[in-house]
């Protein structure tokens, strides 16, 4: 524990002060850790410190470190992020609802971070988590992460599969937005299929049509 108190004190010395601007993670996550401000201005030169923070006993420190790793796209931390993804996975904590609840924010953040720093092999891992969950939020973060991996064939393949599975319109919007990030003409048919679903609104179908037009013009 003493090690992490020292770590936090060192971090406070590295933060430059002044206004803390919202990072990429704040566009996706609403939860705020009390340590976010300490980590917000840390740069890649402190990567070892960020990695050490992932093994803190304080879940909020882990959360803030994950967030900053994702914003910096620190690929050197990938194996460590996978460690966090493993210990926070609800399947691993099955039968321990208290632990599941406490670790859910970390689980979702580690999914997003892996999307930012992972590669196509990691896309298969994230896609496999879909079958283990019925939680709308978890699906959402997996979808966003698969979009963050663009361009990546396996990630796009996972998103194409999701066009057949999603029935919640909020998730459907997220899938289409993630597909657009890949900007591949191979997505036209999957987009046509999701647009044909009778349970989606006219506004959603209009959005899909706009995305298809954009991909048709600029996609590869």
C-alpha atoms as a PDB file:
ATOM      1  CA  UNK A   1       0.000   0.000   0.000  1.00  0.00           C
ATOM      2  CA  UNK A   2       2.843   2.402   0.857  1.00  0.00           C
ATOM      3  CA  UNK A   3       4.157   1.965  -2.667  1.00  0.00           C
ATOM      4  CA  UNK A   4       0.933   3.298  -4.149  1.00  0.00           C
ATOM      5  CA  UNK A   5       0.728   6.257  -1.770  1.00  0.00           C
ATOM      6  CA  UNK A   6       4.201   7.203  -2.944  1.00  0.00           C
ATOM      7  CA  UNK A   7       3.069   6.719  -6.529  1.00  0.00           C
ATOM      8  CA  UNK A   8       0.139   9.099  -6.063  1.00  0.00           C
ATOM      9  CA  UNK A   9       2.378  11.727  -4.457  1.00  0.00           C
ATOM     10  CA  UNK A  10       4.807  11.462  -7.362  1.00  0.00           C
ATOM     11  CA  UNK A  11       1.950  11.794  -9.811  1.00  0.00           C
ATOM     12  CA  UNK A  12       0.771  14.975  -8.129  1.00  0.00           C
ATOM     13  CA  UNK A  13       4.215  16.409  -8.762  1.00  0.00           C
ATOM     14  CA  UNK A  14       4.074  15.505 -12.447  1.00  0.00           C
ATOM     15  CA  UNK A  15       0.708  17.119 -13.087  1.00  0.00           C
ATOM     16  CA  UNK A  16       1.341  20.520 -14.576  1.00  0.00           C
ATOM     17  CA  UNK A  17      -1.633  22.200 -12.959  1.00  0.00           C
ATOM     18  CA  UNK A  18      -4.208  24.534 -14.457  1.00  0.00           C
ATOM     19  CA  UNK A  19      -7.280  23.491 -16.391  1.00  0.00           C
ATOM     20  CA  UNK A  20      -7.820  19.765 -16.958  1.00  0.00           C
ATOM     21  CA  UNK A  21      -9.322  19.246 -20.387  1.00  0.00           C
ATOM     22  CA  UNK A  22     -11.628  16.337 -21.145  1.00  0.00           C
ATOM     23  CA  UNK A  23      -9.821  13.451 -22.799  1.00  0.00           C
ATOM     24  CA  UNK A  24     -10.997  10.795 -25.229  1.00  0.00           C
ATOM     25  CA  UNK A  25     -12.266   8.571 -22.423  1.00  0.00           C
ATOM     26  CA  UNK A  26     -14.598  11.292 -21.139  1.00  0.00           C
ATOM     27  CA  UNK A  27     -16.494  11.131 -24.429  1.00  0.00           C
ATOM     28  CA  UNK A  28     -17.359   7.508 -23.653  1.00  0.00           C
ATOM     29  CA  UNK A  29     -17.463   7.159 -19.848  1.00  0.00           C
ATOM     30  CA  UNK A  30     -19.521   9.030 -17.270  1.00  0.00           C
ATOM     31  CA  UNK A  31     -17.853   7.592 -14.146  1.00  0.00           C
ATOM     32  CA  UNK A  32     -15.195   9.848 -12.639  1.00  0.00           C
ATOM     33  CA  UNK A  33     -12.472   8.585 -10.317  1.00  0.00           C
ATOM     34  CA  UNK A  34     -11.209  10.963  -7.610  1.00  0.00           C
ATOM     35  CA  UNK A  35      -7.726  10.396  -9.070  1.00  0.00           C
ATOM     36  CA  UNK A  36      -8.572  11.407 -12.650  1.00  0.00           C
ATOM     37  CA  UNK A  37      -7.218  14.940 -12.241  1.00  0.00           C
ATOM     38  CA  UNK A  38      -3.898  13.590 -10.945  1.00  0.00           C
ATOM     39  CA  UNK A  39      -3.448  11.397 -13.990  1.00  0.00           C
ATOM     40  CA  UNK A  40      -4.874  13.704 -16.658  1.00  0.00           C
ATOM     41  CA  UNK A  41      -1.625  15.421 -17.665  1.00  0.00           C
ATOM     42  CA  UNK A  42       0.732  12.465 -17.266  1.00  0.00           C
ATOM     43  CA  UNK A  43       2.587  11.761 -20.510  1.00  0.00           C
ATOM     44  CA  UNK A  44       4.165   8.667 -22.033  1.00  0.00           C
ATOM     45  CA  UNK A  45       7.452   9.271 -20.223  1.00  0.00           C
ATOM     46  CA  UNK A  46       5.705   8.069 -17.046  1.00  0.00           C
ATOM     47  CA  UNK A  47       4.527   4.809 -18.633  1.00  0.00           C
ATOM     48  CA  UNK A  48       6.164   2.640 -15.948  1.00  0.00           C
ATOM     49  CA  UNK A  49       4.333   4.534 -13.242  1.00  0.00           C
ATOM     50  CA  UNK A  50       1.021   4.125 -15.060  1.00  0.00           C
ATOM     51  CA  UNK A  51       1.635   0.395 -15.442  1.00  0.00           C
ATOM     52  CA  UNK A  52       2.517   0.052 -11.744  1.00  0.00           C
ATOM     53  CA  UNK A  53      -0.753   1.784 -10.882  1.00  0.00           C
ATOM     54  CA  UNK A  54      -2.701  -1.015 -12.567  1.00  0.00           C
ATOM     55  CA  UNK A  55      -1.728  -3.276  -9.669  1.00  0.00           C
ATOM     56  CA  UNK A  56      -2.918  -0.933  -6.936  1.00  0.00           C
ATOM     57  CA  UNK A  57      -5.303  -2.139  -4.222  1.00  0.00           C
ATOM     58  CA  UNK A  58      -7.363   1.011  -4.850  1.00  0.00           C
ATOM     59  CA  UNK A  59      -9.773   0.380  -7.730  1.00  0.00           C
ATOM     60  CA  UNK A  60     -10.078   4.103  -8.438  1.00  0.00           C
ATOM     61  CA  UNK A  61      -6.325   4.357  -9.013  1.00  0.00           C
ATOM     62  CA  UNK A  62      -6.546   1.440 -11.440  1.00  0.00           C
ATOM     63  CA  UNK A  63      -9.432   3.141 -13.233  1.00  0.00           C
ATOM     64  CA  UNK A  64      -7.602   6.466 -13.635  1.00  0.00           C
ATOM     65  CA  UNK A  65      -4.406   4.756 -14.796  1.00  0.00           C
ATOM     66  CA  UNK A  66      -6.344   2.705 -17.348  1.00  0.00           C
ATOM     67  CA  UNK A  67      -8.044   5.824 -18.639  1.00  0.00           C
ATOM     68  CA  UNK A  68      -4.743   7.619 -19.156  1.00  0.00           C
ATOM     69  CA  UNK A  69      -3.128   4.579 -20.793  1.00  0.00           C
ATOM     70  CA  UNK A  70      -6.014   4.471 -23.249  1.00  0.00           C
ATOM     71  CA  UNK A  71      -5.823   8.171 -23.998  1.00  0.00           C
ATOM     72  CA  UNK A  72      -2.078   7.936 -24.613  1.00  0.00           C
ATOM     73  CA  UNK A  73      -2.462   4.672 -26.551  1.00  0.00           C
ATOM     74  CA  UNK A  74       0.409   3.108 -24.622  1.00  0.00           C
ATOM     75  CA  UNK A  75       0.842  -0.197 -26.439  1.00  0.00           C
ATOM     76  CA  UNK A  76       3.653  -1.145 -24.063  1.00  0.00           C
ATOM     77  CA  UNK A  77       0.983  -1.617 -21.381  1.00  0.00           C
ATOM     78  CA  UNK A  78      -1.134  -4.109 -23.343  1.00  0.00           C
ATOM     79  CA  UNK A  79      -0.221  -7.222 -21.363  1.00  0.00           C
ATOM     80  CA  UNK A  80      -0.899  -5.328 -18.125  1.00  0.00           C
ATOM     81  CA  UNK A  81      -4.260  -4.090 -19.372  1.00  0.00           C
ATOM     82  CA  UNK A  82      -5.131  -7.698 -20.181  1.00  0.00           C
ATOM     83  CA  UNK A  83      -4.278  -8.581 -16.573  1.00  0.00           C
ATOM     84  CA  UNK A  84      -6.835  -6.025 -15.391  1.00  0.00           C
ATOM     85  CA  UNK A  85      -9.370  -7.235 -17.944  1.00  0.00           C
ATOM     86  CA  UNK A  86      -8.937 -10.749 -16.576  1.00  0.00           C
ATOM     87  CA  UNK A  87      -9.330 -10.013 -12.868  1.00  0.00           C
ATOM     88  CA  UNK A  88     -12.268  -7.644 -13.416  1.00  0.00           C
ATOM     89  CA  UNK A  89     -14.179  -9.933 -15.804  1.00  0.00           C
ATOM     90  CA  UNK A  90     -17.641 -10.708 -14.352  1.00  0.00           C
ATOM     91  CA  UNK A  91     -17.282 -14.337 -15.478  1.00  0.00           C
ATOM     92  CA  UNK A  92     -14.172 -14.710 -13.302  1.00  0.00           C
ATOM     93  CA  UNK A  93     -16.093 -13.161 -10.404  1.00  0.00           C
ATOM     94  CA  UNK A  94     -19.185 -15.319 -10.912  1.00  0.00           C
ATOM     95  CA  UNK A  95     -20.956 -15.974  -7.623  1.00  0.00           C
ATOM     96  CA  UNK A  96     -19.451 -12.820  -6.113  1.00  0.00           C
ATOM     97  CA  UNK A  97     -21.986 -10.094  -6.964  1.00  0.00           C
ATOM     98  CA  UNK A  98     -20.276  -7.592  -4.681  1.00  0.00           C
ATOM     99  CA  UNK A  99     -16.949  -8.011  -6.466  1.00  0.00           C
ATOM    100  CA  UNK A 100     -18.640  -7.905  -9.866  1.00  0.00           C
ATOM    101  CA  UNK A 101     -20.280  -4.582  -9.057  1.00  0.00           C
ATOM    102  CA  UNK A 102     -17.107  -3.013  -7.634  1.00  0.00           C
ATOM    103  CA  UNK A 103     -15.014  -4.023 -10.624  1.00  0.00           C
ATOM    104  CA  UNK A 104     -17.481  -3.279 -13.428  1.00  0.00           C
ATOM    105  CA  UNK A 105     -16.171   0.233 -14.132  1.00  0.00           C
ATOM    106  CA  UNK A 106     -12.649  -1.171 -14.432  1.00  0.00           C
ATOM    107  CA  UNK A 107     -13.866  -3.991 -16.676  1.00  0.00           C
ATOM    108  CA  UNK A 108     -15.552  -1.580 -19.063  1.00  0.00           C
ATOM    109  CA  UNK A 109     -12.584   0.798 -19.084  1.00  0.00           C
ATOM    110  CA  UNK A 110     -10.129  -2.038 -19.787  1.00  0.00           C
ATOM    111  CA  UNK A 111     -12.279  -3.132 -22.751  1.00  0.00           C
ATOM    112  CA  UNK A 112     -12.102   0.378 -24.201  1.00  0.00           C
ATOM    113  CA  UNK A 113      -8.357   0.625 -23.568  1.00  0.00           C
ATOM    114  CA  UNK A 114      -7.680  -2.720 -25.243  1.00  0.00           C
ATOM    115  CA  UNK A 115      -9.559  -1.383 -28.247  1.00  0.00           C
ATOM    116  CA  UNK A 116      -7.242   1.633 -28.298  1.00  0.00           C
ATOM    117  CA  UNK A 117      -3.966  -0.274 -27.944  1.00  0.00           C
ATOM    118  CA  UNK A 118      -4.782  -3.775 -29.182  1.00  0.00           C
ATOM    119  CA  UNK A 119      -4.543  -5.464 -32.568  1.00  0.00           C
ATOM    120  CA  UNK A 120      -6.603  -7.905 -34.604  1.00  0.00           C
ATOM    121  CA  UNK A 121      -5.858 -10.851 -32.300  1.00  0.00           C
ATOM    122  CA  UNK A 122      -7.345  -8.843 -29.436  1.00  0.00           C
ATOM    123  CA  UNK A 123     -10.444  -8.153 -31.521  1.00  0.00           C
ATOM    124  CA  UNK A 124     -11.252 -11.864 -31.399  1.00  0.00           C
ATOM    125  CA  UNK A 125     -10.939 -11.808 -27.603  1.00  0.00           C
ATOM    126  CA  UNK A 126     -13.303  -8.857 -27.284  1.00  0.00           C
ATOM    127  CA  UNK A 127     -15.824 -10.336 -29.711  1.00  0.00           C
ATOM    128  CA  UNK A 128     -15.860 -13.565 -27.696  1.00  0.00           C
ATOM    129  CA  UNK A 129     -16.998 -11.622 -24.611  1.00  0.00           C
ATOM    130  CA  UNK A 130     -20.315 -10.870 -26.320  1.00  0.00           C
ATOM    131  CA  UNK A 131     -21.572 -14.411 -25.759  1.00  0.00           C
ATOM    132  CA  UNK A 132     -20.718 -14.190 -22.052  1.00  0.00           C
ATOM    133  CA  UNK A 133     -22.845 -11.132 -21.394  1.00  0.00           C
ATOM    134  CA  UNK A 134     -26.403  -9.872 -21.745  1.00  0.00           C
ATOM    135  CA  UNK A 135     -25.457  -6.514 -20.242  1.00  0.00           C
ATOM    136  CA  UNK A 136     -26.212  -3.637 -22.618  1.00  0.00           C
ATOM    137  CA  UNK A 137     -23.381  -1.495 -21.246  1.00  0.00           C
ATOM    138  CA  UNK A 138     -20.813  -4.251 -21.722  1.00  0.00           C
ATOM    139  CA  UNK A 139     -21.951  -4.787 -25.302  1.00  0.00           C
ATOM    140  CA  UNK A 140     -21.705  -1.036 -25.895  1.00  0.00           C
ATOM    141  CA  UNK A 141     -18.092  -0.810 -24.723  1.00  0.00           C
ATOM    142  CA  UNK A 142     -17.109  -3.865 -26.758  1.00  0.00           C
ATOM    143  CA  UNK A 143     -18.666  -2.259 -29.839  1.00  0.00           C
ATOM    144  CA  UNK A 144     -16.847   1.020 -29.224  1.00  0.00           C
ATOM    145  CA  UNK A 145     -13.566  -0.858 -28.676  1.00  0.00           C
ATOM    146  CA  UNK A 146     -13.951  -2.759 -31.956  1.00  0.00           C
ATOM    147  CA  UNK A 147     -14.413   0.585 -33.684  1.00  0.00           C
ATOM    148  CA  UNK A 148     -11.300   1.982 -32.004  1.00  0.00           C
ATOM    149  CA  UNK A 149      -9.246  -0.836 -33.562  1.00  0.00           C
ATOM    150  CA  UNK A 150      -9.873   0.412 -37.107  1.00  0.00           C
ATOM    151  CA  UNK A 151      -8.565  -0.582 -39.527  1.00  0.00           C
ATOM    152  CA  UNK A 152      -8.547  -4.213 -38.414  1.00  0.00           C
ATOM    153  CA  UNK A 153     -10.217  -7.063 -40.370  1.00  0.00           C
ATOM    154  CA  UNK A 154     -11.150  -9.195 -37.339  1.00  0.00           C
ATOM    155  CA  UNK A 155     -12.594  -6.212 -35.497  1.00  0.00           C
ATOM    156  CA  UNK A 156     -14.690  -5.310 -38.533  1.00  0.00           C
ATOM    157  CA  UNK A 157     -15.787  -8.939 -38.873  1.00  0.00           C
ATOM    158  CA  UNK A 158     -16.971  -8.824 -35.260  1.00  0.00           C
ATOM    159  CA  UNK A 159     -18.970  -5.672 -35.964  1.00  0.00           C
ATOM    160  CA  UNK A 160     -20.544  -7.251 -39.041  1.00  0.00           C
ATOM    161  CA  UNK A 161     -21.650 -10.179 -36.862  1.00  0.00           C
ATOM    162  CA  UNK A 162     -23.135  -7.740 -34.372  1.00  0.00           C
ATOM    163  CA  UNK A 163     -25.354  -6.228 -37.074  1.00  0.00           C
ATOM    164  CA  UNK A 164     -27.197  -9.561 -36.999  1.00  0.00           C
ATOM    165  CA  UNK A 165     -27.433  -9.733 -33.200  1.00  0.00           C
ATOM    166  CA  UNK A 166     -28.323  -6.291 -31.862  1.00  0.00           C
ATOM    167  CA  UNK A 167     -31.971  -5.423 -31.264  1.00  0.00           C
ATOM    168  CA  UNK A 168     -31.465  -2.486 -28.931  1.00  0.00           C
ATOM    169  CA  UNK A 169     -31.425   0.638 -31.111  1.00  0.00           C
ATOM    170  CA  UNK A 170     -28.832   2.350 -28.915  1.00  0.00           C
ATOM    171  CA  UNK A 171     -26.458  -0.527 -29.587  1.00  0.00           C
ATOM    172  CA  UNK A 172     -27.364  -0.513 -33.260  1.00  0.00           C
ATOM    173  CA  UNK A 173     -26.335   3.146 -33.542  1.00  0.00           C
ATOM    174  CA  UNK A 174     -23.037   2.290 -31.827  1.00  0.00           C
ATOM    175  CA  UNK A 175     -22.398  -0.622 -34.210  1.00  0.00           C
ATOM    176  CA  UNK A 176     -22.961   1.534 -37.283  1.00  0.00           C
ATOM    177  CA  UNK A 177     -20.750   4.329 -35.914  1.00  0.00           C
ATOM    178  CA  UNK A 178     -17.995   1.790 -35.195  1.00  0.00           C
ATOM    179  CA  UNK A 179     -18.312   0.307 -38.684  1.00  0.00           C
ATOM    180  CA  UNK A 180     -17.945   3.788 -40.167  1.00  0.00           C
ATOM    181  CA  UNK A 181     -14.563   4.159 -38.435  1.00  0.00           C
ATOM    182  CA  UNK A 182     -13.293   1.196 -40.468  1.00  0.00           C
ATOM    183  CA  UNK A 183     -14.644   2.832 -43.660  1.00  0.00           C
ATOM    184  CA  UNK A 184     -14.661  -0.401 -45.652  1.00  0.00           C
ATOM    185  CA  UNK A 185     -16.919  -1.093 -48.616  1.00  0.00           C
ATOM    186  CA  UNK A 186     -17.266  -4.674 -47.351  1.00  0.00           C
ATOM    187  CA  UNK A 187     -19.662  -3.204 -44.778  1.00  0.00           C
ATOM    188  CA  UNK A 188     -22.328  -2.165 -47.284  1.00  0.00           C
ATOM    189  CA  UNK A 189     -24.209  -5.492 -47.241  1.00  0.00           C
ATOM    190  CA  UNK A 190     -24.188  -5.854 -43.415  1.00  0.00           C
ATOM    191  CA  UNK A 191     -25.437  -2.256 -43.180  1.00  0.00           C
ATOM    192  CA  UNK A 192     -28.220  -2.996 -45.648  1.00  0.00           C
ATOM    193  CA  UNK A 193     -29.252  -5.983 -43.545  1.00  0.00           C
ATOM    194  CA  UNK A 194     -29.383  -4.044 -40.273  1.00  0.00           C
ATOM    195  CA  UNK A 195     -31.336  -1.284 -42.010  1.00  0.00           C
ATOM    196  CA  UNK A 196     -33.954  -3.823 -43.100  1.00  0.00           C
ATOM    197  CA  UNK A 197     -34.808  -4.789 -39.504  1.00  0.00           C
ATOM    198  CA  UNK A 198     -38.450  -3.872 -38.906  1.00  0.00           C
ATOM    199  CA  UNK A 199     -37.963  -3.018 -35.226  1.00  0.00           C
ATOM    200  CA  UNK A 200     -35.592  -0.099 -35.892  1.00  0.00           C
ATOM    201  CA  UNK A 201     -36.877   3.461 -36.261  1.00  0.00           C
ATOM    202  CA  UNK A 202     -36.980   5.549 -39.457  1.00  0.00           C
ATOM    203  CA  UNK A 203     -34.379   7.885 -37.925  1.00  0.00           C
ATOM    204  CA  UNK A 204     -31.986   4.986 -37.444  1.00  0.00           C
ATOM    205  CA  UNK A 205     -32.518   3.776 -40.993  1.00  0.00           C
ATOM    206  CA  UNK A 206     -31.841   7.293 -42.263  1.00  0.00           C
ATOM    207  CA  UNK A 207     -28.571   7.311 -40.311  1.00  0.00           C
ATOM    208  CA  UNK A 208     -27.555   3.953 -41.804  1.00  0.00           C
ATOM    209  CA  UNK A 209     -28.307   5.291 -45.285  1.00  0.00           C
ATOM    210  CA  UNK A 210     -26.061   8.306 -44.654  1.00  0.00           C
ATOM    211  CA  UNK A 211     -23.258   6.057 -43.439  1.00  0.00           C
ATOM    212  CA  UNK A 212     -23.570   3.807 -46.491  1.00  0.00           C
ATOM    213  CA  UNK A 213     -23.393   6.855 -48.769  1.00  0.00           C
ATOM    214  CA  UNK A 214     -20.235   8.038 -47.032  1.00  0.00           C
ATOM    215  CA  UNK A 215     -18.577   4.622 -47.199  1.00  0.00           C
ATOM    216  CA  UNK A 216     -19.547   4.263 -50.872  1.00  0.00           C
ATOM    217  CA  UNK A 217     -17.768   7.545 -51.630  1.00  0.00           C
ATOM    218  CA  UNK A 218     -14.697   7.312 -49.399  1.00  0.00           C
ATOM    219  CA  UNK A 219     -14.371   3.671 -48.326  1.00  0.00           C
ATOM    220  CA  UNK A 220     -11.690   1.241 -49.393  1.00  0.00           C
END
